[in-house]
Amino acid sequence: MRGVYTIPAGEPFLKRFTSVLLDGSFISGDDFVASRIMLPTRRACRSMQQIVYELNEGRSLIMPRLQPIGDVDEEELLLSQYGLEMAAIDAPPSMPKLQRLMILAKLVMARKDFTQGYDMALSMASSLAHLIDQIYTEDLDIADMKGLVPDNYADHWQITLEFLKIISENWPNILQQYGFMDDAQRRSMLMNMLADFWQKNPVEEPVIVAGVSGSIPASASVMASVLKMPKGVIVLPGLDIRMDDESWAALDETHPQYALKTLLERLNIARSDVQLWPHIGDDRSHYSARNWLAQEMMRPASSSARWAELGHDPQTPQRIDEALSGLSVHVCENERHEASVVALLLRRAIEDEGKTACLITPDRTLAARVSALCKRWGINLDDSAGLPLKNSALGSFMFLLLYVCEQRFSPSSVLALLQHSYMG
C-alpha cells in the first residue's frame, strides 16, 4: 500500500481514485474509515464526497476524514503535541483580508508620487497583497526583496523596487504593530509544524495525499513526512511516466511537469519508482494519442531534434488523426456570436441522456453571457467561480441604497430602489 502512485492525464482523477478506495482492493474497509485523505482544495473534498455518494448508490457509509492539505487544524495539532517535546504553537492570528487591503491602499496613497484616485490605490493594494501571499507561500523572506534588482539595472527597475518598499520595509512592522500575521505565512507555518510533528511521530492510520503537485514548499514538506509513515500514500496528478529520460532531465520552470519533477527530487523518489494507480493497466489504454501529441508539443527545446524521427514513423499520421479526433474549431465574428455558439454546444450535449458538458474559460464576461443564454432555455448552469456580489440580489439592493444616498434621494434613484424585488 505504501508508496507513490500516479493517475495519468486524461483520466477522471477523483473518480478513478475514489473507486479504487471503495472496492477494497487497495485498502480494507476498516482502514478506509480510519484514513485521512488530504486533497488540494475544499472543492476537491466536496467533489469526492459527491463521487462517494454516487459510486455507493446512495447507501450509508462512514466516510474517512477529508482535509484540504493547506487547512491544518491548529487545535488538533496542539492536542497531539501535548506531553511531547515539540515547539508550542505561538502565532498571532491572521490579519483580515479587508483590513490588509485598506492598510495597503493607505500606504499607496501616502506616497508623494501617487496622484491617482482611491480606486487605483485599491487596485494596486490588491496586487501588493497578492505578491505578499506569493512570497510567504514560497517560504521566502519579504526583506530579501531589496536585492532583487542590482544597482546597474535600468532606472525603471529601480523605480519599481522603490515602490515595493511599501511591503519590503513597512509591512513587517505594520503586522507587528497590529499583532497579526499574514494568512499565507501562518498557513505555511502550520503546515511546516504538522510536517515536523509527523516526521517525529508518524501515525499508524493510513494517510493519503492525492492530487497535490507539491509546488508549494510547505505542502511538499507534509508529503515528505507522509511518505515515511507505515501506511503513507501519495497519488500524483498526471505524472508523465513515459517521457524519455533526455527530455525529463532537461525540464525547466516553464514546463507543466517541472513541479512534479521537483517534488520527486525532494522526496528522493525516482520517476521509475512511481507506480500507476490500481486498475490502470500499464498499456496504451491510458496513454491516448492525445496524450502523446501533448507530450510532443511540450517537448523541451534541447530534445526537439527527436521531432525529425516522427516523419520516419509510419504510425505518426494515424496517431495525429486519433489525437485530433473529436476536436472542432469555431471561428466567431464577435463575443456575442462566441457565446451563442458555446451555449448551443452545451444545450446540444445535454440533450443526450447521461452526457455532460463543461465550459472552461478565464473570460468571466463570456461565462456570464453563456449562462444568460442557457437560462432562456431553462438550463441553469453551475458556475464554479460563483456569483459576484454586485450581480446578486443582495448586492444590487445595497448598490441601490448607496446610490440613493449619493443622489440625495432624487426621484429617479428612489424609484429604482422601490422597483427592486426586496422592496416587495
Protein backbone atom coordinates (compact mmCIF):
# COMPACT_ATOMS: atom_id res chain seq x y z
CA MET A 1 0.00 0.00 0.00
CA ARG A 2 2.75 2.45 0.95
CA GLY A 3 4.36 4.37 -1.90
CA VAL A 4 3.95 6.93 -4.67
CA TYR A 5 1.37 6.45 -7.42
CA THR A 6 0.04 8.48 -10.31
CA ILE A 7 -3.18 8.75 -12.26
CA PRO A 8 -2.36 9.71 -15.87
CA ALA A 9 -3.60 12.88 -17.50
CA GLY A 10 -6.87 12.40 -19.33
CA GLU A 11 -8.32 10.18 -16.61
CA PRO A 12 -11.07 11.48 -14.28
CA PHE A 13 -8.73 11.80 -11.32
CA LEU A 14 -11.12 11.84 -8.37
CA LYS A 15 -13.42 9.19 -9.81
CA ARG A 16 -10.59 6.74 -10.51
CA PHE A 17 -9.02 7.49 -7.15
CA THR A 18 -12.24 7.06 -5.19
CA SER A 19 -13.45 3.92 -6.98
CA VAL A 20 -10.26 2.04 -6.03
CA LEU A 21 -10.62 3.05 -2.38
CA LEU A 22 -14.23 1.88 -2.30
CA ASP A 23 -13.79 -1.52 -3.95
CA GLY A 24 -11.49 -2.73 -1.16
CA SER A 25 -8.67 -3.89 -3.47
CA PHE A 26 -6.22 -1.24 -2.30
CA ILE A 27 -7.33 -0.57 1.26
CA SER A 28 -9.53 -2.52 3.67
CA GLY A 29 -12.88 -1.19 4.81
CA ASP A 30 -11.62 -0.53 8.35
CA ASP A 31 -8.54 1.28 7.08
CA PHE A 32 -10.68 3.32 4.69
CA VAL A 33 -12.85 4.59 7.54
CA ALA A 34 -9.83 5.36 9.73
CA SER A 35 -7.82 7.04 6.97
CA ARG A 36 -7.07 10.70 6.45
CA ILE A 37 -7.25 11.83 2.82
CA MET A 38 -5.58 15.15 2.00
CA LEU A 39 -6.73 16.86 -1.21
CA PRO A 40 -5.63 20.15 -2.79
CA THR A 41 -8.76 22.24 -2.09
CA ARG A 42 -12.07 22.31 -0.24
CA ARG A 43 -13.81 21.98 -3.57
CA ALA A 44 -11.96 18.72 -4.22
CA CYS A 45 -13.16 17.43 -0.84
CA ARG A 46 -16.77 18.26 -1.71
CA SER A 47 -16.39 16.63 -5.12
CA MET A 48 -15.04 13.45 -3.58
CA GLN A 49 -17.95 13.31 -1.15
CA GLN A 50 -20.34 13.53 -4.09
CA ILE A 51 -18.45 10.83 -6.00
CA VAL A 52 -18.55 8.51 -2.98
CA TYR A 53 -22.31 9.04 -2.75
CA GLU A 54 -22.78 8.25 -6.44
CA LEU A 55 -20.50 5.20 -6.50
CA ASN A 56 -22.06 3.83 -3.33
CA GLU A 57 -25.52 4.33 -4.90
CA GLY A 58 -26.74 6.47 -2.05
CA ARG A 59 -26.20 3.83 0.65
CA SER A 60 -24.97 4.99 4.04
CA LEU A 61 -21.23 4.89 4.54
CA ILE A 62 -18.84 6.10 7.21
CA MET A 63 -16.53 8.50 5.41
CA PRO A 64 -12.82 8.90 6.03
CA ARG A 65 -11.52 12.27 7.07
CA LEU A 66 -11.22 14.55 4.05
CA GLN A 67 -8.97 17.55 4.53
CA PRO A 68 -7.52 20.22 2.23
CA ILE A 69 -3.77 19.96 2.62
CA GLY A 70 -3.48 23.66 3.49
CA ASP A 71 -6.13 23.57 6.24
CA VAL A 72 -4.24 22.45 9.33
CA ASP A 73 -6.41 22.06 12.42
CA GLU A 74 -4.46 24.13 14.93
CA GLU A 75 -6.30 22.80 17.98
CA GLU A 76 -5.82 19.18 16.90
CA LEU A 77 -2.12 19.77 16.32
CA LEU A 78 -1.83 21.40 19.74
CA LEU A 79 -3.53 18.44 21.43
CA SER A 80 -1.37 15.98 19.51
CA GLN A 81 1.76 17.72 20.77
CA TYR A 82 0.61 17.63 24.40
CA GLY A 83 3.23 15.90 26.55
CA LEU A 84 5.79 15.83 23.75
CA GLU A 85 8.92 17.91 23.41
CA MET A 86 7.63 19.93 20.47
CA ALA A 87 7.65 23.65 19.80
CA ALA A 88 4.47 25.30 21.06
CA ILE A 89 2.13 26.94 18.59
CA ASP A 90 2.63 30.57 19.46
CA ALA A 91 1.48 32.60 16.49
CA PRO A 92 -0.72 35.68 16.26
CA PRO A 93 -3.98 35.41 14.30
CA SER A 94 -4.26 36.13 10.60
CA MET A 95 -4.97 39.69 9.54
CA PRO A 96 -8.44 40.01 7.96
CA LYS A 97 -8.12 40.41 4.19
CA LEU A 98 -10.24 43.54 4.04
CA GLN A 99 -8.21 45.24 6.76
CA ARG A 100 -5.00 44.33 4.95
CA LEU A 101 -6.34 45.76 1.71
CA MET A 102 -7.32 49.05 3.37
CA ILE A 103 -3.93 49.43 5.08
CA LEU A 104 -2.05 48.75 1.87
CA ALA A 105 -4.25 51.24 -0.02
CA LYS A 106 -3.42 53.91 2.57
CA LEU A 107 0.30 53.16 2.18
CA VAL A 108 -0.01 53.55 -1.58
CA MET A 109 -1.85 56.86 -1.27
CA ALA A 110 0.70 58.13 1.23
CA ARG A 111 3.43 58.08 -1.41
CA LYS A 112 4.30 61.53 -2.75
CA ASP A 113 4.47 60.28 -6.33
CA PHE A 114 0.96 58.79 -6.23
CA THR A 115 -1.53 61.18 -7.82
CA GLN A 116 -4.43 58.91 -8.77
CA GLY A 117 -7.70 58.17 -7.01
CA TYR A 118 -8.65 55.76 -4.26
CA ASP A 119 -9.95 53.20 -6.75
CA MET A 120 -6.50 52.89 -8.31
CA ALA A 121 -4.96 52.71 -4.84
CA LEU A 122 -7.23 49.76 -4.02
CA SER A 123 -6.27 48.06 -7.28
CA MET A 124 -2.56 48.46 -6.56
CA ALA A 125 -3.10 47.35 -2.96
CA SER A 126 -4.76 44.17 -4.23
CA SER A 127 -1.73 43.44 -6.42
CA LEU A 128 0.61 44.06 -3.48
CA ALA A 129 -1.46 41.71 -1.31
CA HIS A 130 -1.20 39.03 -3.98
CA LEU A 131 2.58 39.50 -4.10
CA ILE A 132 2.79 39.19 -0.31
CA ASP A 133 0.85 35.90 -0.46
CA GLN A 134 3.19 34.56 -3.15
CA ILE A 135 6.28 35.46 -1.10
CA TYR A 136 5.05 33.72 2.03
CA THR A 137 3.63 30.75 0.12
CA GLU A 138 7.10 30.13 -1.33
CA ASP A 139 8.63 30.34 2.18
CA LEU A 140 10.67 33.39 1.22
CA ASP A 141 11.72 36.37 3.33
CA ILE A 142 9.96 39.59 2.40
CA ALA A 143 13.05 41.59 3.41
CA ASP A 144 15.09 39.95 0.63
CA MET A 145 13.22 41.99 -1.99
CA LYS A 146 15.88 44.67 -1.63
CA GLY A 147 18.36 42.54 -3.57
CA LEU A 148 16.04 41.66 -6.45
CA VAL A 149 17.39 44.33 -8.79
CA PRO A 150 21.14 45.14 -8.97
CA ASP A 151 22.08 48.82 -8.96
CA ASN A 152 23.35 48.69 -12.56
CA TYR A 153 19.90 47.81 -13.95
CA ALA A 154 17.73 50.31 -15.79
CA ASP A 155 16.12 53.14 -13.83
CA HIS A 156 12.56 51.83 -14.24
CA TRP A 157 13.56 48.68 -12.35
CA GLN A 158 14.85 50.85 -9.51
CA ILE A 159 11.57 52.79 -9.51
CA THR A 160 9.65 49.53 -9.20
CA LEU A 161 11.88 48.39 -6.36
CA GLU A 162 11.40 51.74 -4.63
CA PHE A 163 7.62 51.32 -4.86
CA LEU A 164 7.84 47.81 -3.41
CA LYS A 165 9.42 49.24 -0.27
CA ILE A 166 5.79 49.62 0.81
CA ILE A 167 5.87 45.95 1.71
CA SER A 168 9.60 45.16 1.98
CA GLU A 169 10.26 47.78 4.68
CA ASN A 170 6.90 48.82 6.11
CA TRP A 171 4.77 45.70 6.08
CA PRO A 172 6.58 43.52 8.68
CA ASN A 173 6.47 46.43 11.15
CA ILE A 174 2.77 47.02 10.48
CA LEU A 175 1.95 43.37 11.14
CA GLN A 176 3.86 43.53 14.41
CA GLN A 177 2.13 46.76 15.37
CA TYR A 178 -1.35 45.31 14.80
CA GLY A 179 -0.48 41.92 16.30
CA PHE A 180 -1.28 39.90 13.15
CA MET A 181 0.34 37.53 10.70
CA ASP A 182 -0.36 37.23 7.01
CA ASP A 183 -2.71 34.37 6.29
CA ALA A 184 -0.36 32.72 3.77
CA GLN A 185 2.57 32.98 6.19
CA ARG A 186 0.51 31.46 9.02
CA ARG A 187 -0.76 28.64 6.80
CA SER A 188 2.78 27.74 5.70
CA MET A 189 3.98 27.84 9.30
CA LEU A 190 1.24 25.44 10.47
CA MET A 191 1.89 23.08 7.55
CA ASN A 192 5.60 23.00 8.36
CA MET A 193 4.80 22.34 12.03
CA LEU A 194 2.49 19.48 11.04
CA ALA A 195 5.20 18.03 8.79
CA ASP A 196 7.74 18.27 11.62
CA PHE A 197 5.32 16.60 14.05
CA TRP A 198 4.59 13.73 11.64
CA GLN A 199 8.30 13.28 10.94
CA LYS A 200 8.93 12.66 14.65
CA ASN A 201 5.60 10.97 15.43
CA PRO A 202 4.31 9.07 12.36
CA VAL A 203 0.70 7.93 12.66
CA GLU A 204 -0.32 4.30 12.21
CA GLU A 205 -3.56 5.00 10.31
CA PRO A 206 -3.44 5.42 6.53
CA VAL A 207 -2.71 8.95 5.32
CA ILE A 208 -3.21 9.56 1.60
CA VAL A 209 -2.23 12.75 -0.21
CA ALA A 210 -3.97 12.86 -3.60
CA GLY A 211 -3.98 15.38 -6.44
CA VAL A 212 -1.32 17.66 -4.89
CA SER A 213 1.64 18.64 -7.07
CA GLY A 214 3.80 19.85 -4.18
CA SER A 215 4.60 23.14 -5.89
CA ILE A 216 4.22 24.91 -2.53
CA PRO A 217 7.25 24.14 -0.31
CA ALA A 218 5.15 23.65 2.83
CA SER A 219 2.89 21.10 1.12
CA ALA A 220 5.95 19.25 -0.17
CA SER A 221 7.19 19.02 3.44
CA VAL A 222 3.89 17.47 4.51
CA MET A 223 4.08 14.98 1.63
CA ALA A 224 7.64 14.02 2.59
CA SER A 225 6.51 13.25 6.14
CA VAL A 226 3.52 11.23 4.87
CA LEU A 227 5.79 9.08 2.71
CA LYS A 228 7.71 7.96 5.81
CA MET A 229 4.57 6.68 7.55
CA PRO A 230 3.82 2.94 7.65
CA LYS A 231 0.68 3.48 5.55
CA GLY A 232 1.54 6.74 3.82
CA VAL A 233 0.46 7.07 0.19
CA ILE A 234 0.93 9.85 -2.36
CA VAL A 235 -1.12 9.91 -5.57
CA LEU A 236 0.27 12.40 -8.07
CA PRO A 237 -1.88 14.05 -10.74
CA GLY A 238 -0.81 13.36 -14.31
CA LEU A 239 2.87 12.48 -13.92
CA ASP A 240 4.26 11.68 -17.38
CA ILE A 241 5.98 8.34 -16.76
CA ARG A 242 6.53 7.77 -20.50
CA MET A 243 8.59 10.87 -21.23
CA ASP A 244 12.08 9.96 -22.41
CA ASP A 245 14.89 10.47 -19.91
CA GLU A 246 16.63 13.12 -22.03
CA SER A 247 13.53 15.34 -22.03
CA TRP A 248 12.85 14.69 -18.35
CA ALA A 249 16.35 15.78 -17.39
CA ALA A 250 16.01 18.96 -19.48
CA LEU A 251 12.73 20.18 -17.95
CA ASP A 252 12.77 23.78 -16.75
CA GLU A 253 10.37 26.02 -14.81
CA THR A 254 8.18 26.67 -17.86
CA HIS A 255 7.18 23.03 -18.34
CA PRO A 256 3.96 21.67 -16.73
CA GLN A 257 5.84 18.61 -15.41
CA TYR A 258 8.54 20.66 -13.68
CA ALA A 259 6.71 20.94 -10.36
CA LEU A 260 6.26 17.16 -10.20
CA LYS A 261 9.91 16.65 -11.14
CA THR A 262 11.00 18.99 -8.33
CA LEU A 263 8.71 17.19 -5.88
CA LEU A 264 10.13 13.76 -6.76
CA GLU A 265 13.65 15.09 -6.28
CA ARG A 266 12.68 16.45 -2.87
CA LEU A 267 11.07 13.13 -1.92
CA ASN A 268 14.17 11.30 -3.22
CA ILE A 269 11.94 9.16 -5.45
CA ALA A 270 12.97 8.15 -8.97
CA ARG A 271 10.33 8.58 -11.64
CA SER A 272 10.69 4.89 -12.49
CA ASP A 273 9.59 4.02 -8.93
CA VAL A 274 6.24 5.78 -9.33
CA GLN A 275 3.50 3.20 -9.92
CA LEU A 276 0.27 3.51 -11.83
CA TRP A 277 -2.79 3.68 -9.63
CA PRO A 278 -4.50 0.25 -9.40
CA HIS A 279 -6.83 -0.80 -12.23
CA ILE A 280 -4.99 1.45 -14.67
CA GLY A 281 -3.12 -1.17 -16.69
CA ASP A 282 0.36 -0.47 -17.97
CA ASP A 283 -0.75 -0.41 -21.59
CA ARG A 284 -1.72 2.16 -24.19
CA SER A 285 -5.32 2.37 -22.96
CA HIS A 286 -4.43 5.24 -20.61
CA TYR A 287 -1.81 6.69 -22.92
CA SER A 288 -4.02 8.04 -25.65
CA ALA A 289 -2.93 9.60 -28.90
CA ARG A 290 -3.91 12.98 -27.49
CA ASN A 291 -1.57 12.49 -24.54
CA TRP A 292 1.19 11.62 -27.00
CA LEU A 293 0.52 14.74 -29.06
CA ALA A 294 0.51 16.96 -25.95
CA GLN A 295 3.80 15.41 -24.84
CA GLU A 296 5.40 16.08 -28.21
CA MET A 297 4.09 19.66 -28.32
CA MET A 298 5.64 20.39 -24.92
CA ARG A 299 8.92 18.61 -25.58
CA PRO A 300 11.88 20.68 -24.23
CA ALA A 301 13.89 22.54 -26.85
CA SER A 302 17.02 20.54 -26.08
CA SER A 303 15.36 17.31 -27.24
CA SER A 304 13.23 18.77 -30.04
CA ALA A 305 15.55 17.17 -32.61
CA ARG A 306 13.55 14.00 -32.00
CA TRP A 307 10.67 15.55 -33.90
CA ALA A 308 12.54 14.62 -37.07
CA GLU A 309 12.12 10.95 -36.14
CA LEU A 310 8.34 11.30 -36.27
CA GLY A 311 8.49 11.80 -40.03
CA HIS A 312 10.00 8.35 -40.44
CA ASP A 313 7.42 6.63 -38.23
CA PRO A 314 4.57 5.23 -40.41
CA GLN A 315 2.18 5.40 -37.43
CA THR A 316 2.57 9.16 -36.98
CA PRO A 317 -0.24 10.24 -39.37
CA GLN A 318 -2.70 7.82 -37.79
CA ARG A 319 -1.80 8.91 -34.26
CA ILE A 320 -2.23 12.58 -35.20
CA ASP A 321 -5.65 11.81 -36.68
CA GLU A 322 -6.63 9.98 -33.47
CA ALA A 323 -5.32 12.84 -31.34
CA LEU A 324 -7.40 15.43 -33.21
CA SER A 325 -10.49 13.23 -33.41
CA GLY A 326 -13.44 14.88 -31.68
CA LEU A 327 -11.85 18.32 -31.66
CA SER A 328 -13.52 21.16 -33.55
CA VAL A 329 -12.71 24.82 -34.17
CA HIS A 330 -15.39 27.51 -34.40
CA VAL A 331 -14.33 30.90 -35.76
CA CYS A 332 -16.68 33.57 -34.36
CA GLU A 333 -17.24 37.10 -35.58
CA ASN A 334 -17.59 38.71 -32.16
CA GLU A 335 -18.09 37.98 -28.47
CA ARG A 336 -21.86 37.66 -28.79
CA HIS A 337 -21.51 35.10 -31.58
CA GLU A 338 -18.94 33.23 -29.48
CA ALA A 339 -21.28 33.00 -26.50
CA SER A 340 -24.14 31.81 -28.71
CA VAL A 341 -22.02 29.03 -30.21
CA VAL A 342 -20.88 27.82 -26.78
CA ALA A 343 -24.42 27.91 -25.39
CA LEU A 344 -25.75 25.90 -28.34
CA LEU A 345 -23.00 23.30 -27.93
CA LEU A 346 -23.83 22.93 -24.23
CA ARG A 347 -27.53 22.63 -25.00
CA ARG A 348 -26.92 20.02 -27.66
CA ALA A 349 -24.70 18.00 -25.32
CA ILE A 350 -27.28 17.64 -22.54
CA GLU A 351 -29.96 16.51 -24.95
CA ASP A 352 -28.23 13.10 -24.92
CA GLU A 353 -29.15 11.19 -21.77
CA GLY A 354 -26.21 10.65 -19.47
CA LYS A 355 -23.97 13.08 -21.32
CA THR A 356 -22.33 16.02 -19.57
CA ALA A 357 -20.57 19.14 -20.81
CA CYS A 358 -18.29 21.74 -19.29
CA LEU A 359 -17.13 25.21 -20.32
CA ILE A 360 -13.61 26.12 -19.24
CA THR A 361 -12.73 29.77 -19.76
CA PRO A 362 -10.83 32.54 -17.94
CA ASP A 363 -13.22 35.10 -19.50
CA ARG A 364 -15.85 35.93 -16.90
CA THR A 365 -17.83 38.02 -19.41
CA LEU A 366 -18.11 35.05 -21.76
CA ALA A 367 -19.18 32.80 -18.90
CA ALA A 368 -21.90 35.28 -17.86
CA ARG A 369 -23.20 35.56 -21.43
CA VAL A 370 -23.33 31.80 -21.90
CA SER A 371 -25.10 31.39 -18.56
CA ALA A 372 -27.70 34.02 -19.52
CA LEU A 373 -28.34 32.38 -22.89
CA CYS A 374 -28.79 28.95 -21.34
CA LYS A 375 -31.15 30.36 -18.74
CA ARG A 376 -33.51 31.37 -21.58
CA TRP A 377 -33.87 27.67 -22.36
CA GLY A 378 -34.43 26.72 -18.73
CA ILE A 379 -30.87 25.46 -18.26
CA ASN A 380 -29.28 26.65 -15.02
CA LEU A 381 -25.51 26.29 -15.23
CA ASP A 382 -23.39 25.66 -12.15
CA ASP A 383 -20.71 28.34 -12.29
CA SER A 384 -17.78 27.16 -10.19
CA ALA A 385 -16.46 30.74 -9.94
CA GLY A 386 -19.61 31.75 -8.06
CA LEU A 387 -21.75 34.84 -8.48
CA PRO A 388 -20.15 38.27 -7.96
CA LEU A 389 -21.75 40.16 -5.08
CA LYS A 390 -22.70 43.06 -7.35
CA ASN A 391 -24.72 40.67 -9.52
CA SER A 392 -26.61 39.07 -6.64
CA ALA A 393 -29.98 40.31 -5.40
CA LEU A 394 -28.46 41.48 -2.10
CA GLY A 395 -25.53 43.17 -3.84
CA SER A 396 -27.76 45.08 -6.27
CA PHE A 397 -30.00 46.14 -3.37
CA MET A 398 -27.04 47.51 -1.39
CA PHE A 399 -25.78 49.28 -4.51
CA LEU A 400 -29.16 50.97 -5.00
CA LEU A 401 -29.23 52.05 -1.34
CA LEU A 402 -25.82 53.69 -1.71
CA TYR A 403 -26.91 55.23 -5.00
CA VAL A 404 -29.97 56.78 -3.33
CA CYS A 405 -27.76 58.31 -0.65
CA GLU A 406 -25.28 59.60 -3.21
CA GLN A 407 -28.09 61.19 -5.26
CA ARG A 408 -29.60 62.71 -2.12
CA PHE A 409 -32.89 60.84 -2.58
CA SER A 410 -33.54 62.08 -6.07
CA PRO A 411 -36.86 60.83 -7.54
CA SER A 412 -35.16 58.63 -10.16
CA SER A 413 -32.88 56.89 -7.63
CA VAL A 414 -35.74 56.29 -5.17
CA LEU A 415 -37.89 54.89 -7.97
CA ALA A 416 -35.11 52.47 -8.97
CA LEU A 417 -34.84 51.32 -5.35
CA LEU A 418 -38.60 50.82 -5.00
CA GLN A 419 -38.60 48.61 -8.11
CA HIS A 420 -36.15 46.17 -6.52
CA SER A 421 -37.53 42.77 -5.56
CA TYR A 422 -36.52 43.27 -1.92
CA MET A 423 -38.98 46.19 -1.68
CA GLY A 424 -41.93 43.86 -2.17
